Amino acid sequence: MCLSIFFGSCNTPKETNDAPVIISVNSQTSDRKIKMSELYSALEYIKLETTPESLIAQVSKIIPLDTQLLIVDKESSKILLFDVNGKFMGTIGSKGVGAGEFIEIEDVAVDKKGEKIFVLDHSGKRILIYDLKGNFANDIKTDFIAHEIEYLENGNLACYCDYSANETYEKNETRPNLILLDLNSIEAHPFLYVPQSISVQEVNSPFSALFSHTSRHAFLFDILTNSIYEIGKERINRTFVLNFGNEETANQKSYVRKLEEEQLIAERIMPGASDSPQYPIITSLISCNAFLFLNAIDYSTMDVYQIAYSVDNAKCIYGKARKQFPIENDIDGVVPFAPYAASQSKIYGVIESYQLAASELTNSKVATILADIEEDDNPIIVIADTKKID
């Protein structure tokens, strides 16, 4: 199927300009690690079965399903299914150039109600569609470059462009950072236009910028302005802004102006380089029920932040540490994990098997579960039950 371009329609959401909520983080605070017990009430561990067919090089994305876990391994060009006990169930699609095959996995999204899996094939310039059993259904040819996708229940696929050049959609020296693809009409609707003078080569791309908040909404953050947009059926709004202080905000605005006025090569914006950002930037966003979990890093100081924000009561907890993840596991002593996914009140994370050697286990039950894991086994999935932030 081929798509059509629409720059406006009565059935598409409107970009609104409501005042955003400011999430304040003091970058001058002393180093502090968050205790996991401040965020989570319990931790559960799933050992993913290790076989030649199920071997994972690196977990790129986790998508929790009702009775399964979908694991995306972009490095090995695999999409794997495991049951909730970690048993390997099979793969979705395969690498190749034939019908139903992908050249390169850029991202994956799931329509849970419709039982469809969407695979963004960057090199093949298409989106492949499978059912949850791995059967290929069809594909959609695309004329735009996107790097992340999320399915919205209104039948749209949110596509994050990450400052990529999409000439077909450019206007008035700007280009869209978001395209909503209507899966019913196969129409593409561009949004969130940014200056054309800023190229993807000048942006330190995040690990994950786009994340489904609910079945009807997704969050998207802009790495240059630390703004978080809510994407819904009726509107797209800048809902939150992460603020690290006046000096950092001034540095951020100065940096964006420089990107607009100059053409910076990649070597100049790499961490620690002469023109790298001199302020903390968001590197990943996960949303869970009424919580936002954000990771950020200041490449000029190598300070790492983890931030948990409660939308319900506007409470914020954050940790900060130099060159390490600012959280400690005071629940059972297993090494800390980074959030990868969320479903309802649960957060999903990943621990590599070789990292377990650094654990100081305080729970005998957990020690028994993890006792027989070898260093080259598949990663362990952590499921954490969130609790109210006091």
Protein backbone atom coordinates (compact mmCIF):
# COMPACT_ATOMS: atom_id res chain seq x y z
CA MET A 1 0.00 0.00 0.00
CA CYS A 2 1.16 3.54 -0.78
CA LEU A 3 0.42 6.59 1.34
CA SER A 4 -0.96 10.05 0.65
CA ILE A 5 0.13 13.33 2.21
CA PHE A 6 -2.26 15.65 4.05
CA PHE A 7 -1.17 18.92 5.65
CA GLY A 8 -4.49 19.41 7.42
CA SER A 9 -7.76 17.61 7.99
CA CYS A 10 -10.78 17.92 10.24
CA ASN A 11 -10.11 14.42 11.55
CA THR A 12 -6.52 15.05 12.64
CA PRO A 13 -5.42 16.46 16.01
CA LYS A 14 -4.66 20.15 16.42
CA GLU A 15 -1.42 21.53 17.81
CA THR A 16 -2.30 23.55 20.93
CA ASN A 17 -0.29 26.05 22.94
CA ASP A 18 -1.41 25.50 26.54
CA ALA A 19 1.13 26.45 29.20
CA PRO A 20 3.26 23.40 30.06
CA VAL A 21 3.86 22.00 33.53
CA ILE A 22 7.44 22.69 34.62
CA ILE A 23 9.26 19.72 36.16
CA SER A 24 12.08 21.30 38.16
CA VAL A 25 15.35 19.49 38.85
CA ASN A 26 18.18 21.27 40.67
CA SER A 27 21.35 20.49 38.74
CA GLN A 28 23.45 22.04 41.53
CA THR A 29 22.29 19.51 44.10
CA SER A 30 24.81 17.10 45.61
CA ASP A 31 25.04 13.60 44.21
CA ARG A 32 22.23 11.42 45.52
CA LYS A 33 21.05 7.94 44.65
CA ILE A 34 17.36 7.07 44.63
CA LYS A 35 16.46 4.01 46.65
CA MET A 36 14.34 1.57 44.66
CA SER A 37 12.01 1.26 47.65
CA GLU A 38 11.04 4.91 47.05
CA LEU A 39 9.62 3.95 43.64
CA TYR A 40 8.75 0.25 43.72
CA SER A 41 6.93 -2.04 46.14
CA ALA A 42 8.20 -5.34 44.69
CA LEU A 43 10.54 -6.74 42.04
CA GLU A 44 10.07 -9.86 39.94
CA TYR A 45 12.66 -11.51 37.69
CA ILE A 46 12.12 -13.46 34.47
CA LYS A 47 14.95 -15.51 33.00
CA LEU A 48 14.61 -15.51 29.22
CA GLU A 49 15.26 -18.99 27.84
CA THR A 50 18.62 -19.26 26.07
CA THR A 51 18.73 -21.40 22.93
CA PRO A 52 20.55 -20.94 19.60
CA GLU A 53 17.28 -19.64 18.11
CA SER A 54 16.44 -17.30 21.00
CA LEU A 55 19.89 -15.84 21.66
CA ILE A 56 19.72 -12.06 22.17
CA ALA A 57 22.64 -9.76 21.36
CA GLN A 58 21.08 -6.66 22.92
CA VAL A 59 17.58 -5.76 24.04
CA SER A 60 16.50 -2.68 22.08
CA LYS A 61 12.87 -2.61 23.18
CA ILE A 62 10.40 -4.54 25.35
CA ILE A 63 6.68 -4.59 24.56
CA PRO A 64 4.58 -6.32 27.25
CA LEU A 65 1.58 -8.21 25.84
CA ASP A 66 -1.23 -9.92 27.76
CA THR A 67 0.48 -13.30 28.06
CA GLN A 68 3.81 -12.70 26.34
CA LEU A 69 6.81 -10.41 26.15
CA LEU A 70 7.92 -9.13 22.76
CA ILE A 71 11.66 -8.43 22.67
CA VAL A 72 13.25 -6.38 19.89
CA ASP A 73 16.94 -7.03 19.19
CA LYS A 74 17.98 -4.56 16.49
CA GLU A 75 21.61 -5.64 16.61
CA SER A 76 20.69 -9.18 15.53
CA SER A 77 17.67 -8.10 13.44
CA LYS A 78 15.33 -10.24 15.56
CA ILE A 79 11.87 -9.84 17.04
CA LEU A 80 11.33 -12.55 19.65
CA LEU A 81 8.35 -13.72 21.69
CA PHE A 82 8.63 -15.21 25.18
CA ASP A 83 5.85 -16.25 27.53
CA VAL A 84 5.55 -14.63 30.96
CA ASN A 85 7.78 -17.32 32.44
CA GLY A 86 10.56 -16.63 29.94
CA LYS A 87 9.96 -19.63 27.66
CA PHE A 88 10.88 -18.90 24.04
CA MET A 89 7.80 -18.97 21.79
CA GLY A 90 9.22 -17.99 18.40
CA THR A 91 10.16 -15.03 16.22
CA ILE A 92 8.29 -12.46 14.14
CA GLY A 93 9.48 -12.06 10.56
CA SER A 94 13.09 -12.39 9.44
CA LYS A 95 15.84 -10.40 7.77
CA GLY A 96 15.87 -10.44 3.97
CA VAL A 97 14.60 -8.75 0.84
CA GLY A 98 11.63 -10.99 0.06
CA ALA A 99 7.93 -10.57 0.82
CA GLY A 100 7.35 -10.37 4.57
CA GLU A 101 11.05 -9.84 5.28
CA PHE A 102 12.72 -6.70 6.63
CA ILE A 103 16.11 -5.31 5.66
CA GLU A 104 16.68 -3.43 8.90
CA ILE A 105 14.58 -3.08 12.06
CA GLU A 106 14.37 0.57 13.04
CA ASP A 107 11.51 0.18 15.53
CA VAL A 108 8.50 -1.97 16.41
CA ALA A 109 5.00 -1.12 17.69
CA VAL A 110 1.96 -3.24 18.58
CA ASP A 111 -1.80 -2.84 18.24
CA LYS A 112 -2.79 -5.09 21.15
CA LYS A 113 -6.55 -5.02 20.47
CA GLY A 114 -6.15 -5.61 16.75
CA GLU A 115 -3.33 -8.11 17.39
CA LYS A 116 -1.01 -6.49 14.87
CA ILE A 117 2.73 -5.92 14.97
CA PHE A 118 4.22 -3.01 13.00
CA VAL A 119 7.88 -3.15 11.98
CA LEU A 120 9.51 0.03 10.73
CA ASP A 121 12.04 -1.02 8.07
CA HIS A 122 14.26 2.01 7.68
CA SER A 123 16.30 0.74 4.74
CA GLY A 124 13.32 -0.77 2.95
CA LYS A 125 11.28 2.46 3.33
CA ARG A 126 8.21 0.59 4.50
CA ILE A 127 6.24 -0.57 7.51
CA LEU A 128 5.56 -4.31 7.63
CA ILE A 129 2.49 -5.65 9.41
CA TYR A 130 2.27 -9.10 11.08
CA ASP A 131 -0.20 -10.78 13.39
CA LEU A 132 0.85 -11.87 16.89
CA LYS A 133 1.62 -15.36 15.58
CA GLY A 134 4.17 -13.97 13.16
CA ASN A 135 2.12 -14.28 9.98
CA PHE A 136 2.86 -11.52 7.48
CA ALA A 137 -0.21 -9.50 6.47
CA ASN A 138 0.94 -6.62 4.26
CA ASP A 139 3.20 -3.59 4.17
CA ILE A 140 2.91 0.17 3.75
CA LYS A 141 5.38 2.04 1.56
CA THR A 142 6.64 5.24 3.19
CA ASP A 143 8.11 8.39 1.69
CA PHE A 144 9.48 9.76 4.96
CA ILE A 145 12.31 8.91 7.32
CA ALA A 146 11.28 8.00 10.87
CA HIS A 147 13.22 6.44 13.71
CA GLU A 148 10.56 5.49 16.27
CA ILE A 149 6.92 4.42 16.05
CA GLU A 150 4.07 3.92 18.52
CA TYR A 151 0.53 2.70 17.84
CA LEU A 152 -2.42 4.80 19.01
CA GLU A 153 -5.85 3.24 19.46
CA ASN A 154 -7.48 5.80 17.15
CA GLY A 155 -5.85 4.00 14.22
CA ASN A 156 -2.81 6.25 13.92
CA LEU A 157 0.82 5.26 13.97
CA ALA A 158 2.92 8.01 15.56
CA CYS A 159 6.26 8.30 13.74
CA TYR A 160 9.13 10.29 15.27
CA CYS A 161 11.44 11.79 12.64
CA ASP A 162 14.32 12.91 14.91
CA TYR A 163 15.18 16.02 12.85
CA SER A 164 15.60 13.94 9.67
CA ALA A 165 15.25 15.58 6.27
CA ASN A 166 11.88 14.75 4.70
CA GLU A 167 11.74 16.95 1.60
CA THR A 168 8.18 16.02 0.65
CA TYR A 169 6.89 17.46 3.92
CA GLU A 170 9.13 20.53 4.28
CA LYS A 171 7.64 24.02 4.13
CA ASN A 172 8.85 27.54 4.90
CA GLU A 173 12.35 26.25 5.73
CA THR A 174 10.99 23.88 8.39
CA ARG A 175 10.48 20.13 8.55
CA PRO A 176 8.19 17.92 10.69
CA ASN A 177 9.52 16.08 13.71
CA LEU A 178 6.33 14.00 13.98
CA ILE A 179 4.19 12.29 11.35
CA LEU A 180 0.89 10.62 12.19
CA LEU A 181 0.15 7.83 9.73
CA ASP A 182 -3.57 7.05 9.48
CA LEU A 183 -3.64 3.27 9.05
CA ASN A 184 -7.21 3.29 7.73
CA SER A 185 -6.81 5.83 4.93
CA ILE A 186 -3.00 5.47 4.60
CA GLU A 187 -2.67 9.26 4.89
CA ALA A 188 0.37 10.93 6.44
CA HIS A 189 -0.14 14.05 8.58
CA PRO A 190 2.96 16.10 9.54
CA PHE A 191 3.29 17.96 12.87
CA LEU A 192 5.77 19.68 15.20
CA TYR A 193 7.77 21.54 12.59
CA VAL A 194 11.38 22.43 13.47
CA PRO A 195 13.97 24.61 11.68
CA GLN A 196 15.27 22.98 8.52
CA SER A 197 18.73 24.33 9.37
CA ILE A 198 19.04 21.77 12.21
CA SER A 199 19.96 18.38 10.79
CA VAL A 200 19.82 14.93 12.32
CA GLN A 201 23.64 14.81 12.16
CA GLU A 202 23.74 17.70 14.67
CA VAL A 203 21.52 15.98 17.23
CA ASN A 204 22.63 13.37 19.75
CA SER A 205 19.71 11.01 19.16
CA PRO A 206 18.07 9.63 22.32
CA PHE A 207 17.69 6.00 23.28
CA SER A 208 13.92 6.39 23.29
CA ALA A 209 11.98 9.62 22.63
CA LEU A 210 8.49 8.28 21.84
CA PHE A 211 6.45 6.19 24.27
CA SER A 212 2.80 5.13 24.55
CA HIS A 213 1.30 6.55 27.73
CA THR A 214 -2.08 4.88 27.29
CA SER A 215 -3.71 3.13 24.36
CA ARG A 216 -4.96 6.54 23.19
CA HIS A 217 -2.02 8.80 24.02
CA ALA A 218 1.73 8.87 23.56
CA PHE A 219 4.46 11.11 24.89
CA LEU A 220 7.25 12.50 22.72
CA PHE A 221 10.16 14.54 24.02
CA ASP A 222 12.29 16.99 22.09
CA ILE A 223 15.93 16.39 22.95
CA LEU A 224 16.97 19.98 22.16
CA THR A 225 14.43 21.78 24.35
CA ASN A 226 13.62 19.13 26.99
CA SER A 227 9.94 19.56 26.10
CA ILE A 228 7.52 16.64 26.41
CA TYR A 229 4.55 16.58 24.02
CA GLU A 230 1.33 14.64 24.55
CA ILE A 231 -0.03 13.16 21.33
CA GLY A 232 -3.74 12.36 21.38
CA LYS A 233 -6.73 11.99 19.09
CA GLU A 234 -7.82 15.61 19.36
CA ARG A 235 -4.67 17.56 20.12
CA ILE A 236 -0.88 17.60 20.29
CA ASN A 237 0.30 19.73 23.17
CA ARG A 238 3.57 20.59 24.88
CA THR A 239 2.51 19.25 28.28
CA PHE A 240 5.75 19.20 30.31
CA VAL A 241 9.13 20.94 30.27
CA LEU A 242 12.09 19.63 32.22
CA ASN A 243 13.94 22.56 33.84
CA PHE A 244 17.41 22.10 35.36
CA GLY A 245 17.89 25.75 36.41
CA ASN A 246 18.44 29.20 34.91
CA GLU A 247 22.03 28.63 33.79
CA GLU A 248 21.19 25.34 32.09
CA THR A 249 18.14 26.89 30.38
CA ALA A 250 20.30 29.73 29.05
CA ASN A 251 22.89 27.22 27.79
CA GLN A 252 20.12 25.23 26.12
CA LYS A 253 18.74 28.25 24.25
CA SER A 254 22.25 29.28 23.19
CA TYR A 255 22.96 25.77 21.92
CA VAL A 256 19.78 25.63 19.83
CA ARG A 257 20.60 29.05 18.32
CA LYS A 258 24.05 27.78 17.36
CA LEU A 259 22.53 24.74 15.66
CA GLU A 260 20.19 27.00 13.70
CA GLU A 261 22.98 29.34 12.59
CA GLU A 262 25.89 26.94 12.00
CA GLN A 263 26.36 23.56 10.36
CA LEU A 264 28.12 21.51 13.03
CA ILE A 265 29.87 18.26 12.18
CA ALA A 266 29.28 15.19 14.33
CA GLU A 267 32.76 15.32 15.90
CA ARG A 268 31.98 18.75 17.38
CA ILE A 269 28.80 17.67 19.16
CA MET A 270 29.95 14.32 20.53
CA PRO A 271 30.03 14.06 24.37
CA GLY A 272 32.91 16.14 25.69
CA ALA A 273 33.59 17.83 22.33
CA SER A 274 33.84 21.59 21.86
CA ASP A 275 30.20 22.09 20.84
CA SER A 276 28.49 19.34 22.83
CA PRO A 277 25.42 20.44 24.84
CA GLN A 278 26.37 22.21 28.09
CA TYR A 279 23.16 21.24 29.86
CA PRO A 280 21.40 17.98 30.85
CA ILE A 281 19.39 16.43 28.03
CA ILE A 282 16.72 13.75 28.25
CA THR A 283 17.91 10.40 26.92
CA SER A 284 14.81 8.26 27.54
CA LEU A 285 11.21 8.56 28.65
CA ILE A 286 8.90 5.88 30.04
CA SER A 287 5.36 6.57 31.28
CA CYS A 288 3.43 4.31 33.63
CA ASN A 289 -0.11 5.10 34.78
CA ALA A 290 0.29 8.55 36.35
CA PHE A 291 4.10 8.51 36.41
CA LEU A 292 6.86 9.74 34.14
CA PHE A 293 10.28 8.09 34.40
CA LEU A 294 13.05 10.03 32.68
CA ASN A 295 16.77 9.57 32.29
CA ALA A 296 19.02 12.52 31.47
CA ILE A 297 22.74 13.18 31.13
CA ASP A 298 24.90 16.29 31.11
CA TYR A 299 27.66 15.41 28.65
CA SER A 300 29.79 18.35 29.79
CA THR A 301 30.08 16.96 33.34
CA MET A 302 28.94 13.35 32.77
CA ASP A 303 26.34 13.78 35.51
CA VAL A 304 23.58 11.17 35.10
CA TYR A 305 20.02 11.80 36.32
CA GLN A 306 17.02 9.57 36.93
CA ILE A 307 13.76 11.39 37.48
CA ALA A 308 10.38 10.07 38.60
CA TYR A 309 7.47 12.51 38.35
CA SER A 310 3.94 11.89 39.62
CA VAL A 311 1.38 13.54 37.36
CA ASP A 312 -1.34 13.17 40.03
CA ASN A 313 0.32 15.13 42.84
CA ALA A 314 3.21 16.86 41.01
CA LYS A 315 5.74 15.16 43.30
CA CYS A 316 9.20 14.61 41.87
CA ILE A 317 12.04 12.35 43.00
CA TYR A 318 15.38 12.45 41.27
CA GLY A 319 18.85 11.07 41.67
CA LYS A 320 22.16 12.34 40.33
CA ALA A 321 25.55 10.64 40.07
CA ARG A 322 28.76 11.10 38.09
CA LYS A 323 29.30 8.51 35.34
CA GLN A 324 26.92 5.98 36.88
CA PHE A 325 23.23 5.21 37.20
CA PRO A 326 21.92 7.14 40.27
CA ILE A 327 19.82 4.43 41.87
CA GLU A 328 20.48 1.67 44.40
CA ASN A 329 18.57 -1.54 44.96
CA ASP A 330 17.70 -1.64 48.65
CA ILE A 331 14.91 -4.18 48.01
CA ASP A 332 16.88 -7.34 47.21
CA GLY A 333 20.44 -6.27 46.33
CA VAL A 334 20.36 -7.13 42.61
CA VAL A 335 22.22 -4.62 40.41
CA PRO A 336 20.07 -1.62 39.37
CA PHE A 337 18.21 -1.64 36.06
CA ALA A 338 17.11 1.01 33.60
CA PRO A 339 13.39 1.22 32.72
CA TYR A 340 12.67 -0.02 29.18
CA ALA A 341 8.88 -0.34 29.10
CA ALA A 342 5.71 0.02 31.13
CA SER A 343 2.26 -1.50 31.32
CA GLN A 344 -0.37 -0.17 33.72
CA SER A 345 1.40 0.03 37.12
CA LYS A 346 4.44 -2.05 36.16
CA ILE A 347 7.86 -1.01 34.88
CA TYR A 348 9.97 -3.42 32.83
CA GLY A 349 13.76 -3.32 32.86
CA VAL A 350 16.75 -5.35 31.69
CA ILE A 351 19.76 -6.81 33.50
CA GLU A 352 22.50 -8.47 31.48
CA SER A 353 23.49 -11.88 32.84
CA TYR A 354 27.13 -10.90 33.25
CA GLN A 355 26.08 -7.99 35.51
CA LEU A 356 24.75 -10.34 38.19
CA ALA A 357 28.28 -10.89 39.51
CA ALA A 358 28.15 -7.34 40.92
CA SER A 359 24.97 -8.06 42.91
CA GLU A 360 24.94 -8.33 46.70
CA LEU A 361 21.79 -10.39 47.10
CA THR A 362 19.83 -9.91 50.31
CA ASN A 363 16.82 -12.06 49.36
CA SER A 364 17.28 -15.85 49.44
CA LYS A 365 14.33 -16.45 47.09
CA VAL A 366 15.83 -14.15 44.47
CA ALA A 367 19.24 -15.76 44.98
CA THR A 368 17.72 -19.17 44.22
CA ILE A 369 16.01 -17.89 41.06
CA LEU A 370 19.20 -16.35 39.70
CA ALA A 371 21.66 -18.97 40.95
CA ASP A 372 22.05 -21.03 37.76
CA ILE A 373 22.45 -18.17 35.28
CA GLU A 374 25.65 -18.16 33.23
CA GLU A 375 27.38 -14.97 32.06
CA ASP A 376 26.54 -15.60 28.40
CA ASP A 377 22.87 -16.43 28.99
CA ASN A 378 20.07 -14.22 27.72
CA PRO A 379 19.28 -11.07 29.74
CA ILE A 380 16.97 -11.11 32.75
CA ILE A 381 13.76 -9.08 32.58
CA VAL A 382 12.85 -7.18 35.74
CA ILE A 383 9.22 -6.33 36.48
CA ALA A 384 8.77 -3.64 39.14
CA ASP A 385 5.47 -2.71 40.79
CA THR A 386 5.33 1.08 41.13
CA LYS A 387 3.98 2.78 44.20
CA LYS A 388 2.75 6.27 45.05
CA ILE A 389 5.46 8.89 45.46
CA ASP A 390 5.10 10.52 48.89
